[in-house]
Amino acid sequence: MKPEINKNISIIGAPLDMGASLRGCRLGPDAIRLAGMVRRIEEIGYDVKDCGNVEVKNHLGMDRAPNNLNNLELVKKANMDLYEAVKTELKAEQFPLILGGDHSIAIGSIKAVLDKYPNLGVIWFDAHGDINTNDTSPTGNIHGMPVATLLGLGAEELLEIGQKESLLKKENIVYIGSRDLDGGERTMMKDLGIKVYTMHEVDYYGIKHVMEEAIEYLKDRCEHIHVSFDMDVLDPTVAPGTGTKVPGGMGYREAHLSLELVAKTEKLVSAEFVEVNPALDMENMTAKAAVALAGSLLGEWLI
């Protein structure tokens, strides 16, 4: 185990897919477990406690809401329960590793981490911005709203998850791998001055340069880092089992190097891997990629 970070890992499953349009990533946490997550991390040298899954009452329909917050009550309840679960593990001095589930779960997970680390830095690996509000979202799907909510923007109903005063600072988030942003998201990112590295920067400068610059940016501001890794940041040839695929994503080795560089900061305190949808996958390929990437994030290097 290379990086000097908390060696006590708590795995928490968040099997929610009602924040998205497509059903299936409710199966993600167990697919990742079946791909060998616990054994992989134990072999690096960590003590692992699998806390199981928070209870989520998914269904198969879509509760479209006049306030543009689809399936609001279900998504809110799942996030509040996840918030409490993550908070409990942090209080026990554990490292929370959350398995999704759609990306709306980042509201509950990161809110809990912010309670303990108010000046938290977040590296958001994602093809999308997830910074819509209910006023700007073209779909009303809450998995496109977690960043806005964490910044204290958007619907009051979502801001009620966790402690209202525990908010992410706009200068403490960095996006990596963006390539599919809604118009409202682009405006929001520009107006707030958020640090964004799109796939253009990754292609032009190379992933090593991008990650070193992103890490240096956060190191000047934050003592602690959370990684939120949406599997759709990867090219669909690498991660076919995700619901909002966008061609032209990060390659397998680019993603591994990115997470290895984050590990070397020794500032990592929590992480999540989300949007694994086994119903769309090929031989659990995307879940296996999540396991391998978690290994790189936690210091699994050859020598």
Protein backbone atom coordinates (compact mmCIF):
# COMPACT_ATOMS: atom_id res chain seq x y z
CA MET A 1 0.00 0.00 0.00
CA LYS A 2 1.82 3.10 -1.22
CA PRO A 3 -0.10 6.23 -0.19
CA GLU A 4 -0.30 7.26 3.45
CA ILE A 5 -4.08 7.39 3.75
CA ASN A 6 -6.61 5.79 6.09
CA LYS A 7 -6.14 2.02 5.86
CA ASN A 8 -9.64 1.28 7.16
CA ILE A 9 -12.09 1.18 4.25
CA SER A 10 -15.88 1.05 4.58
CA ILE A 11 -17.72 0.03 1.43
CA ILE A 12 -21.23 1.45 1.23
CA GLY A 13 -23.58 0.55 -1.60
CA ALA A 14 -26.12 3.09 -2.83
CA PRO A 15 -28.36 1.14 -5.26
CA LEU A 16 -30.35 4.09 -6.54
CA ASP A 17 -31.29 4.58 -10.19
CA MET A 18 -34.36 6.78 -9.88
CA GLY A 19 -32.26 9.91 -10.39
CA ALA A 20 -31.73 8.79 -13.99
CA SER A 21 -33.95 7.99 -16.96
CA LEU A 22 -32.71 4.44 -17.54
CA ARG A 23 -33.13 1.72 -14.94
CA GLY A 24 -30.35 -0.69 -14.07
CA CYS A 25 -27.61 1.04 -12.10
CA ARG A 26 -29.46 0.02 -8.94
CA LEU A 27 -27.61 -3.24 -9.67
CA GLY A 28 -24.25 -1.46 -9.82
CA PRO A 29 -23.05 -1.87 -6.21
CA ASP A 30 -23.48 -5.63 -6.23
CA ALA A 31 -22.02 -5.95 -9.73
CA ILE A 32 -18.91 -4.14 -8.48
CA ARG A 33 -18.75 -6.44 -5.48
CA LEU A 34 -19.09 -9.49 -7.73
CA ALA A 35 -16.20 -8.14 -9.82
CA GLY A 36 -14.00 -8.51 -6.73
CA MET A 37 -13.83 -5.09 -5.09
CA VAL A 38 -13.34 -6.31 -1.50
CA ARG A 39 -10.62 -8.82 -2.34
CA ARG A 40 -8.82 -6.35 -4.62
CA ILE A 41 -8.60 -3.71 -1.90
CA GLU A 42 -7.66 -6.19 0.81
CA GLU A 43 -4.77 -7.42 -1.34
CA ILE A 44 -3.38 -3.88 -1.49
CA GLY A 45 -3.21 -3.94 2.31
CA TYR A 46 -6.41 -2.30 3.52
CA ASP A 47 -8.77 -3.49 6.23
CA VAL A 48 -12.17 -3.60 4.54
CA LYS A 49 -15.62 -3.52 6.11
CA ASP A 50 -18.52 -4.02 3.73
CA CYS A 51 -21.46 -2.13 5.20
CA GLY A 52 -23.88 -3.51 2.63
CA ASN A 53 -26.34 -1.30 0.77
CA VAL A 54 -28.48 1.50 2.09
CA GLU A 55 -32.13 0.63 1.58
CA VAL A 56 -33.61 2.21 -1.55
CA LYS A 57 -37.21 1.71 -2.66
CA ASN A 58 -36.66 1.87 -6.41
CA HIS A 59 -39.50 1.22 -8.81
CA LEU A 60 -39.69 0.91 -12.58
CA GLY A 61 -41.58 4.04 -13.56
CA MET A 62 -40.85 7.75 -13.64
CA ASP A 63 -42.60 10.20 -11.34
CA ARG A 64 -42.40 13.33 -13.47
CA ALA A 65 -42.89 16.39 -11.33
CA PRO A 66 -44.24 19.86 -12.13
CA ASN A 67 -41.17 21.32 -10.37
CA ASN A 68 -38.85 19.39 -12.75
CA LEU A 69 -37.55 17.09 -10.02
CA ASN A 70 -38.32 13.56 -11.15
CA ASN A 71 -38.80 10.92 -8.44
CA LEU A 72 -37.97 13.58 -5.87
CA GLU A 73 -39.12 11.92 -2.66
CA LEU A 74 -37.46 8.61 -3.43
CA VAL A 75 -34.17 10.20 -4.49
CA LYS A 76 -34.19 12.52 -1.48
CA LYS A 77 -34.85 9.70 1.00
CA ALA A 78 -32.09 7.54 -0.50
CA ASN A 79 -29.62 10.42 -0.27
CA MET A 80 -30.55 11.24 3.31
CA ASP A 81 -30.01 7.61 4.29
CA LEU A 82 -26.68 7.53 2.46
CA TYR A 83 -25.68 10.77 4.18
CA GLU A 84 -26.26 9.15 7.57
CA ALA A 85 -24.40 5.97 6.58
CA VAL A 86 -21.33 7.87 5.34
CA LYS A 87 -21.39 10.15 8.36
CA THR A 88 -21.42 7.12 10.67
CA GLU A 89 -18.37 5.61 9.00
CA LEU A 90 -16.49 8.91 9.05
CA LYS A 91 -17.23 9.27 12.75
CA ALA A 92 -15.69 5.81 13.25
CA GLU A 93 -12.55 7.08 11.45
CA GLN A 94 -13.20 4.91 8.39
CA PHE A 95 -12.57 5.78 4.73
CA PRO A 96 -15.94 5.68 2.92
CA LEU A 97 -15.87 4.06 -0.53
CA ILE A 98 -19.34 4.44 -2.02
CA LEU A 99 -20.61 2.30 -4.87
CA GLY A 100 -23.46 3.63 -7.04
CA GLY A 101 -26.05 3.88 -8.19
CA ASP A 102 -26.68 6.97 -10.28
CA HIS A 103 -24.69 10.16 -9.70
CA SER A 104 -27.40 11.83 -7.63
CA ILE A 105 -25.98 9.84 -4.70
CA ALA A 106 -23.09 12.30 -4.58
CA ILE A 107 -25.41 14.73 -2.81
CA GLY A 108 -25.68 12.49 0.23
CA SER A 109 -22.12 11.17 0.18
CA ILE A 110 -20.29 14.46 -0.29
CA LYS A 111 -22.58 16.32 2.13
CA ALA A 112 -21.47 13.90 4.85
CA VAL A 113 -17.78 14.33 3.98
CA LEU A 114 -18.21 18.13 4.01
CA ASP A 115 -19.50 17.91 7.58
CA LYS A 116 -16.12 16.53 8.64
CA TYR A 117 -13.94 18.40 6.14
CA PRO A 118 -15.57 21.80 5.43
CA ASN A 119 -12.81 22.86 3.03
CA LEU A 120 -13.03 19.64 1.03
CA GLY A 121 -11.71 19.51 -2.52
CA VAL A 122 -13.59 17.42 -5.08
CA ILE A 123 -12.29 15.94 -8.33
CA TRP A 124 -15.31 15.19 -10.51
CA PHE A 125 -14.58 12.71 -13.30
CA ASP A 126 -17.56 12.83 -15.63
CA ALA A 127 -18.58 13.24 -19.26
CA HIS A 128 -21.33 15.54 -18.00
CA GLY A 129 -21.53 18.63 -15.81
CA ASP A 130 -24.20 17.50 -13.33
CA ILE A 131 -24.56 21.17 -12.40
CA ASN A 132 -28.11 21.75 -13.63
CA THR A 133 -30.82 23.01 -11.32
CA ASN A 134 -34.48 22.19 -11.70
CA ASP A 135 -34.78 25.49 -13.57
CA THR A 136 -32.11 24.64 -16.16
CA SER A 137 -32.40 20.86 -16.50
CA PRO A 138 -33.81 19.71 -19.85
CA THR A 139 -34.88 16.36 -18.34
CA GLY A 140 -35.70 16.88 -14.66
CA ASN A 141 -33.39 13.97 -13.78
CA ILE A 142 -31.72 14.61 -10.44
CA HIS A 143 -28.51 12.77 -11.38
CA GLY A 144 -27.80 15.90 -13.44
CA MET A 145 -28.09 18.19 -10.39
CA PRO A 146 -25.72 17.04 -7.60
CA VAL A 147 -22.98 19.64 -8.13
CA ALA A 148 -25.44 22.53 -8.15
CA THR A 149 -27.01 21.17 -4.96
CA LEU A 150 -23.62 20.78 -3.25
CA LEU A 151 -22.83 24.40 -4.14
CA GLY A 152 -26.08 25.49 -2.47
CA LEU A 153 -27.95 26.21 -5.71
CA GLY A 154 -31.27 24.99 -7.02
CA ALA A 155 -34.28 23.38 -5.41
CA GLU A 156 -34.84 23.82 -1.69
CA GLU A 157 -36.03 20.22 -1.48
CA LEU A 158 -32.55 18.96 -2.43
CA LEU A 159 -30.75 21.51 -0.29
CA GLU A 160 -32.46 19.95 2.73
CA ILE A 161 -30.30 16.82 2.37
CA GLY A 162 -27.67 16.89 5.13
CA GLN A 163 -26.69 20.09 6.88
CA LYS A 164 -27.51 23.20 4.86
CA GLU A 165 -24.35 24.99 5.97
CA SER A 166 -22.09 22.17 4.72
CA LEU A 167 -21.54 23.40 1.17
CA LEU A 168 -18.88 22.80 -1.43
CA LYS A 169 -16.90 25.91 -2.35
CA LYS A 170 -16.99 26.68 -6.06
CA GLU A 171 -13.21 27.07 -6.13
CA ASN A 172 -12.77 23.61 -4.56
CA ILE A 173 -14.11 21.47 -7.42
CA VAL A 174 -12.28 20.42 -10.56
CA TYR A 175 -13.91 18.64 -13.49
CA ILE A 176 -11.96 16.11 -15.53
CA GLY A 177 -13.08 14.66 -18.86
CA SER A 178 -16.16 16.79 -19.60
CA ARG A 179 -17.52 16.47 -23.13
CA ASP A 180 -21.31 16.73 -22.99
CA LEU A 181 -22.60 19.88 -21.25
CA ASP A 182 -26.06 21.41 -21.41
CA GLY A 183 -26.34 25.09 -22.25
CA GLY A 184 -27.34 26.04 -18.73
CA GLU A 185 -24.39 24.09 -17.33
CA ARG A 186 -21.90 25.87 -19.56
CA THR A 187 -23.29 29.23 -18.43
CA MET A 188 -23.20 28.17 -14.78
CA MET A 189 -19.61 26.95 -14.97
CA LYS A 190 -18.44 30.14 -16.66
CA ASP A 191 -20.33 32.44 -14.31
CA LEU A 192 -18.97 30.65 -11.24
CA GLY A 193 -15.44 30.38 -12.61
CA ILE A 194 -15.29 26.63 -12.02
CA LYS A 195 -12.15 24.78 -13.07
CA VAL A 196 -13.02 22.47 -15.97
CA TYR A 197 -10.72 20.24 -18.01
CA THR A 198 -12.68 18.95 -20.99
CA MET A 199 -11.56 16.14 -23.26
CA HIS A 200 -10.09 18.85 -25.48
CA GLU A 201 -7.54 19.67 -22.77
CA VAL A 202 -6.93 15.98 -22.11
CA ASP A 203 -6.24 15.40 -25.81
CA TYR A 204 -4.21 18.58 -26.33
CA TYR A 205 -2.04 18.58 -23.19
CA GLY A 206 -2.14 14.93 -22.18
CA ILE A 207 -3.65 13.47 -19.03
CA LYS A 208 -0.45 13.79 -16.97
CA HIS A 209 -0.28 17.55 -17.52
CA VAL A 210 -4.01 17.98 -16.85
CA MET A 211 -3.96 16.00 -13.63
CA GLU A 212 -0.81 17.59 -12.30
CA GLU A 213 -2.27 21.04 -12.93
CA ALA A 214 -5.62 20.07 -11.37
CA ILE A 215 -3.96 18.60 -8.30
CA GLU A 216 -1.68 21.61 -7.88
CA TYR A 217 -4.74 23.86 -8.10
CA LEU A 218 -6.50 21.95 -5.30
CA LYS A 219 -3.39 21.49 -3.16
CA ASP A 220 -3.16 25.25 -2.72
CA ARG A 221 -6.74 25.32 -1.39
CA CYS A 222 -7.61 22.02 0.28
CA GLU A 223 -6.11 19.58 2.76
CA HIS A 224 -8.54 16.81 1.84
CA ILE A 225 -9.84 15.42 -1.46
CA HIS A 226 -12.90 13.39 -2.46
CA VAL A 227 -13.00 11.65 -5.85
CA SER A 228 -16.36 11.29 -7.57
CA PHE A 229 -15.86 8.98 -10.54
CA ASP A 230 -18.68 8.56 -13.05
CA MET A 231 -17.89 5.59 -15.28
CA ASP A 232 -19.20 7.48 -18.30
CA VAL A 233 -16.05 9.63 -18.23
CA LEU A 234 -14.48 6.60 -19.90
CA ASP A 235 -14.90 5.92 -23.58
CA PRO A 236 -17.83 3.54 -24.19
CA THR A 237 -15.41 1.00 -25.64
CA VAL A 238 -13.90 0.77 -22.15
CA ALA A 239 -17.11 1.16 -20.13
CA PRO A 240 -20.17 0.09 -22.13
CA GLY A 241 -22.29 -0.53 -19.04
CA THR A 242 -23.39 3.00 -18.24
CA GLY A 243 -26.59 4.81 -19.07
CA THR A 244 -25.44 8.06 -20.68
CA LYS A 245 -22.62 7.02 -22.98
CA VAL A 246 -20.76 9.71 -24.91
CA PRO A 247 -18.10 8.77 -27.52
CA GLY A 248 -14.61 10.19 -27.21
CA GLY A 249 -13.97 9.58 -23.54
CA MET A 250 -10.89 8.80 -21.47
CA GLY A 251 -8.94 5.66 -22.23
CA TYR A 252 -8.30 2.90 -19.72
CA ARG A 253 -4.68 3.87 -19.05
CA GLU A 254 -5.52 7.59 -18.89
CA ALA A 255 -8.01 6.87 -16.13
CA HIS A 256 -5.58 4.70 -14.21
CA LEU A 257 -2.82 7.30 -14.38
CA SER A 258 -5.26 10.00 -13.26
CA LEU A 259 -6.19 8.10 -10.13
CA GLU A 260 -2.62 7.04 -9.40
CA LEU A 261 -1.65 10.72 -9.38
CA VAL A 262 -4.51 11.53 -6.99
CA ALA A 263 -3.35 8.71 -4.70
CA LYS A 264 0.14 10.19 -4.54
CA THR A 265 -1.23 13.43 -3.04
CA GLU A 266 -2.04 11.50 0.16
CA LYS A 267 -4.98 13.88 0.62
CA LEU A 268 -7.70 11.39 -0.33
CA VAL A 269 -10.36 10.90 2.38
CA SER A 270 -13.31 9.40 0.47
CA ALA A 271 -14.41 8.30 -3.00
CA GLU A 272 -17.30 6.97 -5.03
CA PHE A 273 -17.69 5.07 -8.29
CA VAL A 274 -21.10 5.56 -9.90
CA GLU A 275 -23.30 4.88 -12.93
CA VAL A 276 -22.38 1.22 -13.41
CA ASN A 277 -25.40 -0.30 -15.18
CA PRO A 278 -25.06 -4.09 -15.55
CA ALA A 279 -28.19 -4.22 -17.71
CA LEU A 280 -26.24 -2.40 -20.43
CA ASP A 281 -22.87 -4.03 -19.80
CA MET A 282 -20.87 -6.77 -21.52
CA GLU A 283 -19.70 -9.57 -19.19
CA ASN A 284 -19.57 -7.14 -16.24
CA MET A 285 -16.81 -5.25 -18.07
CA THR A 286 -17.66 -1.84 -16.56
CA ALA A 287 -17.86 -3.13 -13.00
CA LYS A 288 -14.49 -4.82 -13.47
CA ALA A 289 -13.06 -1.51 -14.69
CA ALA A 290 -14.43 0.20 -11.56
CA VAL A 291 -12.65 -2.35 -9.37
CA ALA A 292 -9.36 -1.91 -11.20
CA LEU A 293 -9.62 1.88 -11.06
CA ALA A 294 -10.39 1.80 -7.34
CA GLY A 295 -7.19 -0.20 -6.98
CA SER A 296 -5.17 2.54 -8.68
CA LEU A 297 -6.83 5.21 -6.55
CA LEU A 298 -5.85 3.32 -3.42
CA GLY A 299 -2.24 2.65 -4.35
CA GLU A 300 -2.18 -0.65 -6.25
CA TRP A 301 0.99 -0.18 -8.28
CA LEU A 302 3.20 -2.84 -9.79
CA ILE A 303 6.42 -1.82 -8.04
